[in-house]
Amino acid sequence: MYLPEFKLEGQKALVTGAGRGIGRAIAIGLAEAGCDVGLISRTKQDLEETAGLIHKLQKGKAFVLQADLNQSEELTGVIHEFNERAGGLNLLVNNAGMNIRSKALDVTDTEWEQIMQTNLKSAFVASQAAAAVMKEQGGGSIINVSSVAGHTALRTGVVYGASKAALSHMTRVLALEWAELGIRVNSVGPWYFRTPLTETLLNNEEYLQDILDRTPMKRVGDLKEIVGPVVFLASEAASYVTGQTLLVDGGMSIYGF
């Protein structure tokens, strides 16, 4: 048998920023693959909507875990709560992120701290807490949602790009350190997908055309197209893959290397 199992039956997965957009799609996709899924975000109503969609699948349990990801103790607490309630923790997806599109000369200390805290520090805190659990269980998998902006210069804001570049590098360092614990650490790097956060931008015809001109596949991504790469990296099909960032970008990054 050379074809590994892509299903994740019985796995226990946590997804941060699971209330909307990419995080919601990933959470639902993991449930479809057989996971019980913990949903972390600060907005309970969004999480309950995601949980409702998962329950309709009748394939996996959904756990609503409301928390402010910028509060380290609170974030660590809900991760340990999920481990106890779900009976284990096999997978963490650090999806939560934000952006403030200020020009470099206009970036404030507050903007810098907010973006770095959400995009980078919260991912480390969550990974640290999850790894402590996974270590005792003999291993697991962590997947960070980085960005093409972490690999090539984009007009998305200097702080956002820096945070995503740091997240991709943190992926490599943690993969190196935690390999001996049986923990694989990878990331996915999306380009533009239609989400509530990008809707206004993509509704601007001039902006959208610029995106399409820079994308060999001449379209933005559909949310289901980020789910497959995450499921792959989480599954036994990727059992010899760690420290990598899989760019999911319609070929856009071809121009950036």
C-alpha atoms as a PDB file:
ATOM      1  CA  MET A   1       0.000   0.000   0.000  1.00  0.00           C
ATOM      2  CA  TYR A   2       1.583   3.254  -1.121  1.00  0.00           C
ATOM      3  CA  LEU A   3      -1.468   5.511  -0.838  1.00  0.00           C
ATOM      4  CA  PRO A   4      -1.659   6.831   2.736  1.00  0.00           C
ATOM      5  CA  GLU A   5      -4.905   7.549   4.499  1.00  0.00           C
ATOM      6  CA  PHE A   6      -6.173  11.081   3.901  1.00  0.00           C
ATOM      7  CA  LYS A   7      -9.055  10.782   6.347  1.00  0.00           C
ATOM      8  CA  LEU A   8      -8.775  12.096   9.884  1.00  0.00           C
ATOM      9  CA  GLU A   9     -11.329   9.875  11.585  1.00  0.00           C
ATOM     10  CA  GLY A  10     -11.340  10.281  15.350  1.00  0.00           C
ATOM     11  CA  GLN A  11      -8.760  13.080  15.392  1.00  0.00           C
ATOM     12  CA  LYS A  12      -9.179  16.025  17.765  1.00  0.00           C
ATOM     13  CA  ALA A  13      -8.485  19.360  16.084  1.00  0.00           C
ATOM     14  CA  LEU A  14      -8.397  22.981  17.238  1.00  0.00           C
ATOM     15  CA  VAL A  15      -8.845  25.931  14.858  1.00  0.00           C
ATOM     16  CA  THR A  16      -8.259  29.533  15.909  1.00  0.00           C
ATOM     17  CA  GLY A  17     -10.216  32.279  14.189  1.00  0.00           C
ATOM     18  CA  ALA A  18     -12.841  29.658  13.349  1.00  0.00           C
ATOM     19  CA  GLY A  19     -15.817  31.997  13.325  1.00  0.00           C
ATOM     20  CA  ARG A  20     -15.555  33.258   9.753  1.00  0.00           C
ATOM     21  CA  GLY A  21     -13.801  33.021   6.410  1.00  0.00           C
ATOM     22  CA  ILE A  22     -10.822  30.721   6.020  1.00  0.00           C
ATOM     23  CA  GLY A  23     -10.992  29.534   9.633  1.00  0.00           C
ATOM     24  CA  ARG A  24     -14.635  28.508   9.293  1.00  0.00           C
ATOM     25  CA  ALA A  25     -13.934  26.686   6.031  1.00  0.00           C
ATOM     26  CA  ILE A  26     -10.993  24.810   7.560  1.00  0.00           C
ATOM     27  CA  ALA A  27     -13.003  23.843  10.648  1.00  0.00           C
ATOM     28  CA  ILE A  28     -15.862  22.489   8.540  1.00  0.00           C
ATOM     29  CA  GLY A  29     -13.432  20.682   6.239  1.00  0.00           C
ATOM     30  CA  LEU A  30     -11.702  18.997   9.175  1.00  0.00           C
ATOM     31  CA  ALA A  31     -15.073  17.884  10.508  1.00  0.00           C
ATOM     32  CA  GLU A  32     -15.908  16.445   7.080  1.00  0.00           C
ATOM     33  CA  ALA A  33     -12.623  14.532   7.242  1.00  0.00           C
ATOM     34  CA  GLY A  34     -13.687  12.990  10.550  1.00  0.00           C
ATOM     35  CA  CYS A  35     -12.349  15.325  13.245  1.00  0.00           C
ATOM     36  CA  ASP A  36     -13.961  16.578  16.400  1.00  0.00           C
ATOM     37  CA  VAL A  37     -13.205  20.287  16.149  1.00  0.00           C
ATOM     38  CA  GLY A  38     -12.623  22.952  18.783  1.00  0.00           C
ATOM     39  CA  LEU A  39     -13.540  26.418  17.545  1.00  0.00           C
ATOM     40  CA  ILE A  40     -11.659  29.357  19.054  1.00  0.00           C
ATOM     41  CA  SER A  41     -12.491  33.037  18.548  1.00  0.00           C
ATOM     42  CA  ARG A  42     -13.570  36.018  20.590  1.00  0.00           C
ATOM     43  CA  THR A  43     -17.034  36.269  18.954  1.00  0.00           C
ATOM     44  CA  LYS A  44     -19.356  33.613  20.331  1.00  0.00           C
ATOM     45  CA  GLN A  45     -22.119  34.167  17.771  1.00  0.00           C
ATOM     46  CA  ASP A  46     -19.751  33.475  14.858  1.00  0.00           C
ATOM     47  CA  LEU A  47     -18.482  30.326  16.558  1.00  0.00           C
ATOM     48  CA  GLU A  48     -22.003  29.078  17.180  1.00  0.00           C
ATOM     49  CA  GLU A  49     -22.818  29.559  13.498  1.00  0.00           C
ATOM     50  CA  THR A  50     -19.757  27.511  12.537  1.00  0.00           C
ATOM     51  CA  ALA A  51     -20.693  24.863  15.090  1.00  0.00           C
ATOM     52  CA  GLY A  52     -24.202  24.710  13.643  1.00  0.00           C
ATOM     53  CA  LEU A  53     -22.828  24.047  10.160  1.00  0.00           C
ATOM     54  CA  ILE A  54     -20.626  21.275  11.536  1.00  0.00           C
ATOM     55  CA  HIS A  55     -23.506  19.678  13.406  1.00  0.00           C
ATOM     56  CA  LYS A  56     -25.487  19.511  10.168  1.00  0.00           C
ATOM     57  CA  LEU A  57     -22.758  17.295   8.716  1.00  0.00           C
ATOM     58  CA  GLN A  58     -23.405  14.688  11.421  1.00  0.00           C
ATOM     59  CA  LYS A  59     -19.748  13.658  11.164  1.00  0.00           C
ATOM     60  CA  GLY A  60     -17.931  15.253  14.077  1.00  0.00           C
ATOM     61  CA  LYS A  61     -18.461  17.171  17.284  1.00  0.00           C
ATOM     62  CA  ALA A  62     -17.943  20.927  17.505  1.00  0.00           C
ATOM     63  CA  PHE A  63     -16.762  22.653  20.685  1.00  0.00           C
ATOM     64  CA  VAL A  64     -17.310  26.407  21.044  1.00  0.00           C
ATOM     65  CA  LEU A  65     -14.344  27.915  22.903  1.00  0.00           C
ATOM     66  CA  GLN A  66     -14.737  31.665  23.189  1.00  0.00           C
ATOM     67  CA  ALA A  67     -11.455  33.386  23.994  1.00  0.00           C
ATOM     68  CA  ASP A  68      -9.445  36.517  23.332  1.00  0.00           C
ATOM     69  CA  LEU A  69      -6.369  35.204  21.516  1.00  0.00           C
ATOM     70  CA  ASN A  70      -4.399  38.238  22.638  1.00  0.00           C
ATOM     71  CA  GLN A  71      -4.729  37.105  26.264  1.00  0.00           C
ATOM     72  CA  SER A  72      -2.161  34.338  26.627  1.00  0.00           C
ATOM     73  CA  GLU A  73      -3.563  32.758  29.788  1.00  0.00           C
ATOM     74  CA  GLU A  74      -7.077  32.751  28.329  1.00  0.00           C
ATOM     75  CA  LEU A  75      -5.867  31.132  25.096  1.00  0.00           C
ATOM     76  CA  THR A  76      -3.815  28.513  26.915  1.00  0.00           C
ATOM     77  CA  GLY A  77      -6.792  27.808  29.163  1.00  0.00           C
ATOM     78  CA  VAL A  78      -9.221  26.972  26.356  1.00  0.00           C
ATOM     79  CA  ILE A  79      -6.640  24.717  24.692  1.00  0.00           C
ATOM     80  CA  HIS A  80      -6.338  22.661  27.850  1.00  0.00           C
ATOM     81  CA  GLU A  81     -10.126  22.774  28.254  1.00  0.00           C
ATOM     82  CA  PHE A  82     -10.547  21.307  24.774  1.00  0.00           C
ATOM     83  CA  ASN A  83      -8.034  18.561  25.506  1.00  0.00           C
ATOM     84  CA  GLU A  84     -10.034  17.546  28.567  1.00  0.00           C
ATOM     85  CA  ARG A  85     -13.475  17.805  26.942  1.00  0.00           C
ATOM     86  CA  ALA A  86     -12.548  16.162  23.644  1.00  0.00           C
ATOM     87  CA  GLY A  87     -10.272  13.524  25.131  1.00  0.00           C
ATOM     88  CA  GLY A  88      -7.117  14.541  23.330  1.00  0.00           C
ATOM     89  CA  LEU A  89      -5.497  16.973  20.918  1.00  0.00           C
ATOM     90  CA  ASN A  90      -3.995  15.825  17.626  1.00  0.00           C
ATOM     91  CA  LEU A  91      -4.059  18.943  15.480  1.00  0.00           C
ATOM     92  CA  LEU A  92      -3.824  22.701  15.932  1.00  0.00           C
ATOM     93  CA  VAL A  93      -4.512  25.132  13.094  1.00  0.00           C
ATOM     94  CA  ASN A  94      -3.325  28.660  13.869  1.00  0.00           C
ATOM     95  CA  ASN A  95      -5.550  30.595  11.496  1.00  0.00           C
ATOM     96  CA  ALA A  96      -6.425  33.767  13.404  1.00  0.00           C
ATOM     97  CA  GLY A  97      -5.006  36.885  11.811  1.00  0.00           C
ATOM     98  CA  MET A  98      -5.601  40.538  11.092  1.00  0.00           C
ATOM     99  CA  ASN A  99      -4.296  43.388   8.983  1.00  0.00           C
ATOM    100  CA  ILE A 100      -4.232  47.170   9.133  1.00  0.00           C
ATOM    101  CA  ARG A 101      -3.272  48.496   5.714  1.00  0.00           C
ATOM    102  CA  SER A 102      -1.234  51.528   6.799  1.00  0.00           C
ATOM    103  CA  LYS A 103       1.653  52.839   4.735  1.00  0.00           C
ATOM    104  CA  ALA A 104       5.005  52.278   6.411  1.00  0.00           C
ATOM    105  CA  LEU A 105       5.442  55.954   7.296  1.00  0.00           C
ATOM    106  CA  ASP A 106       2.066  55.967   9.017  1.00  0.00           C
ATOM    107  CA  VAL A 107       2.348  52.787  11.119  1.00  0.00           C
ATOM    108  CA  THR A 108       1.794  53.451  14.818  1.00  0.00           C
ATOM    109  CA  ASP A 109       3.097  51.513  17.809  1.00  0.00           C
ATOM    110  CA  THR A 110      -0.454  50.369  18.518  1.00  0.00           C
ATOM    111  CA  GLU A 111      -0.905  48.995  14.994  1.00  0.00           C
ATOM    112  CA  TRP A 112       2.433  47.181  15.166  1.00  0.00           C
ATOM    113  CA  GLU A 113       1.563  45.571  18.498  1.00  0.00           C
ATOM    114  CA  GLN A 114      -1.956  44.574  17.440  1.00  0.00           C
ATOM    115  CA  ILE A 115      -0.867  42.862  14.229  1.00  0.00           C
ATOM    116  CA  MET A 116       2.173  41.133  15.704  1.00  0.00           C
ATOM    117  CA  GLN A 117       0.202  40.003  18.753  1.00  0.00           C
ATOM    118  CA  THR A 118      -2.611  38.476  16.699  1.00  0.00           C
ATOM    119  CA  ASN A 119      -0.655  37.089  13.747  1.00  0.00           C
ATOM    120  CA  LEU A 120       2.491  35.896  15.485  1.00  0.00           C
ATOM    121  CA  LYS A 121       2.479  35.828  19.275  1.00  0.00           C
ATOM    122  CA  SER A 122      -0.936  34.181  19.627  1.00  0.00           C
ATOM    123  CA  ALA A 123       0.184  31.468  17.183  1.00  0.00           C
ATOM    124  CA  PHE A 124       3.271  30.819  19.298  1.00  0.00           C
ATOM    125  CA  VAL A 125       1.338  30.764  22.563  1.00  0.00           C
ATOM    126  CA  ALA A 126      -1.217  28.347  21.103  1.00  0.00           C
ATOM    127  CA  SER A 127       1.524  26.169  19.618  1.00  0.00           C
ATOM    128  CA  GLN A 128       3.409  26.064  22.908  1.00  0.00           C
ATOM    129  CA  ALA A 129       0.302  25.018  24.837  1.00  0.00           C
ATOM    130  CA  ALA A 130      -0.716  22.461  22.210  1.00  0.00           C
ATOM    131  CA  ALA A 131       2.794  21.007  21.985  1.00  0.00           C
ATOM    132  CA  ALA A 132       2.858  20.446  25.741  1.00  0.00           C
ATOM    133  CA  VAL A 133      -0.258  18.310  25.369  1.00  0.00           C
ATOM    134  CA  MET A 134       0.926  16.568  22.196  1.00  0.00           C
ATOM    135  CA  LYS A 135       4.247  15.710  23.823  1.00  0.00           C
ATOM    136  CA  GLU A 136       2.449  13.678  26.467  1.00  0.00           C
ATOM    137  CA  GLN A 137       0.347  11.958  23.798  1.00  0.00           C
ATOM    138  CA  GLY A 138       3.307  10.981  21.621  1.00  0.00           C
ATOM    139  CA  GLY A 139       2.967  13.582  18.873  1.00  0.00           C
ATOM    140  CA  GLY A 140       0.634  15.633  16.734  1.00  0.00           C
ATOM    141  CA  SER A 141       0.511  18.229  14.006  1.00  0.00           C
ATOM    142  CA  ILE A 142       0.472  22.025  13.960  1.00  0.00           C
ATOM    143  CA  ILE A 143      -0.462  24.005  10.858  1.00  0.00           C
ATOM    144  CA  ASN A 144      -0.015  27.768  10.675  1.00  0.00           C
ATOM    145  CA  VAL A 145      -1.915  29.907   8.185  1.00  0.00           C
ATOM    146  CA  SER A 146       0.765  32.220   6.832  1.00  0.00           C
ATOM    147  CA  SER A 147       0.461  34.161   3.564  1.00  0.00           C
ATOM    148  CA  VAL A 148       2.098  34.792   0.231  1.00  0.00           C
ATOM    149  CA  ALA A 149       2.824  38.169   1.839  1.00  0.00           C
ATOM    150  CA  GLY A 150       5.355  36.387   4.041  1.00  0.00           C
ATOM    151  CA  HIS A 151       7.338  35.240   0.995  1.00  0.00           C
ATOM    152  CA  THR A 152       7.206  38.151  -1.423  1.00  0.00           C
ATOM    153  CA  ALA A 153       6.656  41.890  -1.069  1.00  0.00           C
ATOM    154  CA  LEU A 154       3.010  42.908  -1.445  1.00  0.00           C
ATOM    155  CA  ARG A 155       1.050  46.081  -0.936  1.00  0.00           C
ATOM    156  CA  THR A 156      -0.732  44.668   2.083  1.00  0.00           C
ATOM    157  CA  GLY A 157       1.137  46.548   4.783  1.00  0.00           C
ATOM    158  CA  VAL A 158       4.679  46.193   6.042  1.00  0.00           C
ATOM    159  CA  VAL A 159       3.676  44.917   9.475  1.00  0.00           C
ATOM    160  CA  TYR A 160       1.386  42.241   8.057  1.00  0.00           C
ATOM    161  CA  GLY A 161       4.105  41.031   5.693  1.00  0.00           C
ATOM    162  CA  ALA A 162       6.669  40.988   8.487  1.00  0.00           C
ATOM    163  CA  SER A 163       4.341  39.051  10.792  1.00  0.00           C
ATOM    164  CA  LYS A 164       3.626  36.417   8.149  1.00  0.00           C
ATOM    165  CA  ALA A 165       7.304  36.058   7.216  1.00  0.00           C
ATOM    166  CA  ALA A 166       8.060  35.545  10.905  1.00  0.00           C
ATOM    167  CA  LEU A 167       5.247  33.002  11.169  1.00  0.00           C
ATOM    168  CA  SER A 168       6.674  30.971   8.286  1.00  0.00           C
ATOM    169  CA  HIS A 169      10.116  31.038   9.869  1.00  0.00           C
ATOM    170  CA  MET A 170       8.685  30.144  13.271  1.00  0.00           C
ATOM    171  CA  THR A 171       7.154  27.139  11.517  1.00  0.00           C
ATOM    172  CA  ARG A 172      10.613  25.971  10.465  1.00  0.00           C
ATOM    173  CA  VAL A 173      12.207  26.517  13.875  1.00  0.00           C
ATOM    174  CA  LEU A 174       9.438  24.727  15.779  1.00  0.00           C
ATOM    175  CA  ALA A 175       9.507  21.869  13.262  1.00  0.00           C
ATOM    176  CA  LEU A 176      13.210  21.438  13.933  1.00  0.00           C
ATOM    177  CA  GLU A 177      12.864  21.569  17.703  1.00  0.00           C
ATOM    178  CA  TRP A 178       9.752  19.426  18.048  1.00  0.00           C
ATOM    179  CA  ALA A 179      10.480  16.700  15.483  1.00  0.00           C
ATOM    180  CA  GLU A 180      11.941  14.549  18.246  1.00  0.00           C
ATOM    181  CA  LEU A 181       8.604  14.847  20.068  1.00  0.00           C
ATOM    182  CA  GLY A 182       6.707  13.463  17.092  1.00  0.00           C
ATOM    183  CA  ILE A 183       5.161  16.867  16.335  1.00  0.00           C
ATOM    184  CA  ARG A 184       5.099  18.038  12.733  1.00  0.00           C
ATOM    185  CA  VAL A 185       4.818  21.788  12.115  1.00  0.00           C
ATOM    186  CA  ASN A 186       3.884  23.156   8.690  1.00  0.00           C
ATOM    187  CA  SER A 187       2.066  26.127   7.239  1.00  0.00           C
ATOM    188  CA  VAL A 188      -0.078  27.090   4.284  1.00  0.00           C
ATOM    189  CA  GLY A 189       0.355  30.420   2.502  1.00  0.00           C
ATOM    190  CA  PRO A 190      -2.812  31.633   0.796  1.00  0.00           C
ATOM    191  CA  TRP A 191      -3.170  34.461  -1.734  1.00  0.00           C
ATOM    192  CA  TYR A 192      -6.590  36.085  -2.169  1.00  0.00           C
ATOM    193  CA  PHE A 193      -9.693  34.120  -1.185  1.00  0.00           C
ATOM    194  CA  ARG A 194     -13.229  35.459  -0.956  1.00  0.00           C
ATOM    195  CA  THR A 195     -13.944  36.016   2.732  1.00  0.00           C
ATOM    196  CA  PRO A 196     -15.799  38.668   4.757  1.00  0.00           C
ATOM    197  CA  LEU A 197     -12.426  40.401   5.291  1.00  0.00           C
ATOM    198  CA  THR A 198     -11.566  40.611   1.578  1.00  0.00           C
ATOM    199  CA  GLU A 199     -15.042  41.185   0.184  1.00  0.00           C
ATOM    200  CA  THR A 200     -14.797  44.978   0.063  1.00  0.00           C
ATOM    201  CA  LEU A 201     -11.405  44.866  -1.647  1.00  0.00           C
ATOM    202  CA  LEU A 202     -12.472  42.282  -4.203  1.00  0.00           C
ATOM    203  CA  ASN A 203     -15.633  44.204  -5.003  1.00  0.00           C
ATOM    204  CA  ASN A 204     -13.404  47.014  -6.266  1.00  0.00           C
ATOM    205  CA  GLU A 205     -13.063  46.176  -9.968  1.00  0.00           C
ATOM    206  CA  GLU A 206      -9.706  47.937 -10.377  1.00  0.00           C
ATOM    207  CA  TYR A 207      -8.251  46.220  -7.305  1.00  0.00           C
ATOM    208  CA  LEU A 208      -9.591  42.834  -8.378  1.00  0.00           C
ATOM    209  CA  GLN A 209      -8.167  43.236 -11.867  1.00  0.00           C
ATOM    210  CA  ASP A 210      -4.740  43.953 -10.406  1.00  0.00           C
ATOM    211  CA  ILE A 211      -4.993  40.724  -8.386  1.00  0.00           C
ATOM    212  CA  LEU A 212      -6.038  38.733 -11.449  1.00  0.00           C
ATOM    213  CA  ASP A 213      -3.239  40.228 -13.556  1.00  0.00           C
ATOM    214  CA  ARG A 214      -0.715  38.954 -11.015  1.00  0.00           C
ATOM    215  CA  THR A 215      -2.241  35.470 -10.749  1.00  0.00           C
ATOM    216  CA  PRO A 216      -1.418  32.928 -13.481  1.00  0.00           C
ATOM    217  CA  MET A 217      -4.710  31.093 -12.897  1.00  0.00           C
ATOM    218  CA  LYS A 218      -6.575  34.420 -13.385  1.00  0.00           C
ATOM    219  CA  ARG A 219      -8.939  34.047 -10.449  1.00  0.00           C
ATOM    220  CA  VAL A 220      -9.076  34.291  -6.691  1.00  0.00           C
ATOM    221  CA  GLY A 221      -9.305  31.180  -4.568  1.00  0.00           C
ATOM    222  CA  ASP A 222     -12.448  29.419  -3.449  1.00  0.00           C
ATOM    223  CA  LEU A 223     -12.496  28.584   0.264  1.00  0.00           C
ATOM    224  CA  LYS A 224     -12.724  24.848  -0.417  1.00  0.00           C
ATOM    225  CA  GLU A 225      -9.322  25.121  -2.111  1.00  0.00           C
ATOM    226  CA  ILE A 226      -7.564  25.967   1.152  1.00  0.00           C
ATOM    227  CA  VAL A 227      -9.193  23.042   2.964  1.00  0.00           C
ATOM    228  CA  GLY A 228      -7.553  20.296   0.898  1.00  0.00           C
ATOM    229  CA  PRO A 229      -3.978  21.434   1.594  1.00  0.00           C
ATOM    230  CA  VAL A 230      -4.711  21.650   5.337  1.00  0.00           C
ATOM    231  CA  VAL A 231      -6.266  18.179   5.422  1.00  0.00           C
ATOM    232  CA  PHE A 232      -3.281  16.832   3.474  1.00  0.00           C
ATOM    233  CA  LEU A 233      -0.742  18.343   5.868  1.00  0.00           C
ATOM    234  CA  ALA A 234      -2.706  17.064   8.860  1.00  0.00           C
ATOM    235  CA  SER A 235      -3.015  13.521   7.517  1.00  0.00           C
ATOM    236  CA  GLU A 236      -0.716  10.526   7.320  1.00  0.00           C
ATOM    237  CA  ALA A 237      -0.281  11.378   3.644  1.00  0.00           C
ATOM    238  CA  ALA A 238       2.111  14.084   4.868  1.00  0.00           C
ATOM    239  CA  SER A 239       3.784  12.023   7.589  1.00  0.00           C
ATOM    240  CA  TYR A 240       7.283  12.847   6.251  1.00  0.00           C
ATOM    241  CA  VAL A 241       6.565  16.558   5.739  1.00  0.00           C
ATOM    242  CA  THR A 242       7.558  19.120   8.354  1.00  0.00           C
ATOM    243  CA  GLY A 243       8.885  22.675   8.429  1.00  0.00           C
ATOM    244  CA  GLN A 244       7.304  23.526   5.076  1.00  0.00           C
ATOM    245  CA  THR A 245       5.024  26.280   3.827  1.00  0.00           C
ATOM    246  CA  LEU A 246       2.665  25.183   1.073  1.00  0.00           C
ATOM    247  CA  LEU A 247       1.687  28.245  -0.980  1.00  0.00           C
ATOM    248  CA  VAL A 248      -1.927  28.104  -2.124  1.00  0.00           C
ATOM    249  CA  ASP A 249      -1.927  31.028  -4.506  1.00  0.00           C
ATOM    250  CA  GLY A 250      -2.967  30.152  -8.046  1.00  0.00           C
ATOM    251  CA  GLY A 251       0.685  30.453  -9.063  1.00  0.00           C
ATOM    252  CA  MET A 252       1.092  34.066  -7.931  1.00  0.00           C
ATOM    253  CA  SER A 253       4.352  33.441  -6.062  1.00  0.00           C
ATOM    254  CA  ILE A 254       6.016  32.200  -9.258  1.00  0.00           C
ATOM    255  CA  TYR A 255       6.787  35.857  -9.893  1.00  0.00           C
ATOM    256  CA  GLY A 256       8.247  36.416  -6.447  1.00  0.00           C
ATOM    257  CA  PHE A 257      11.248  34.099  -6.467  1.00  0.00           C
END
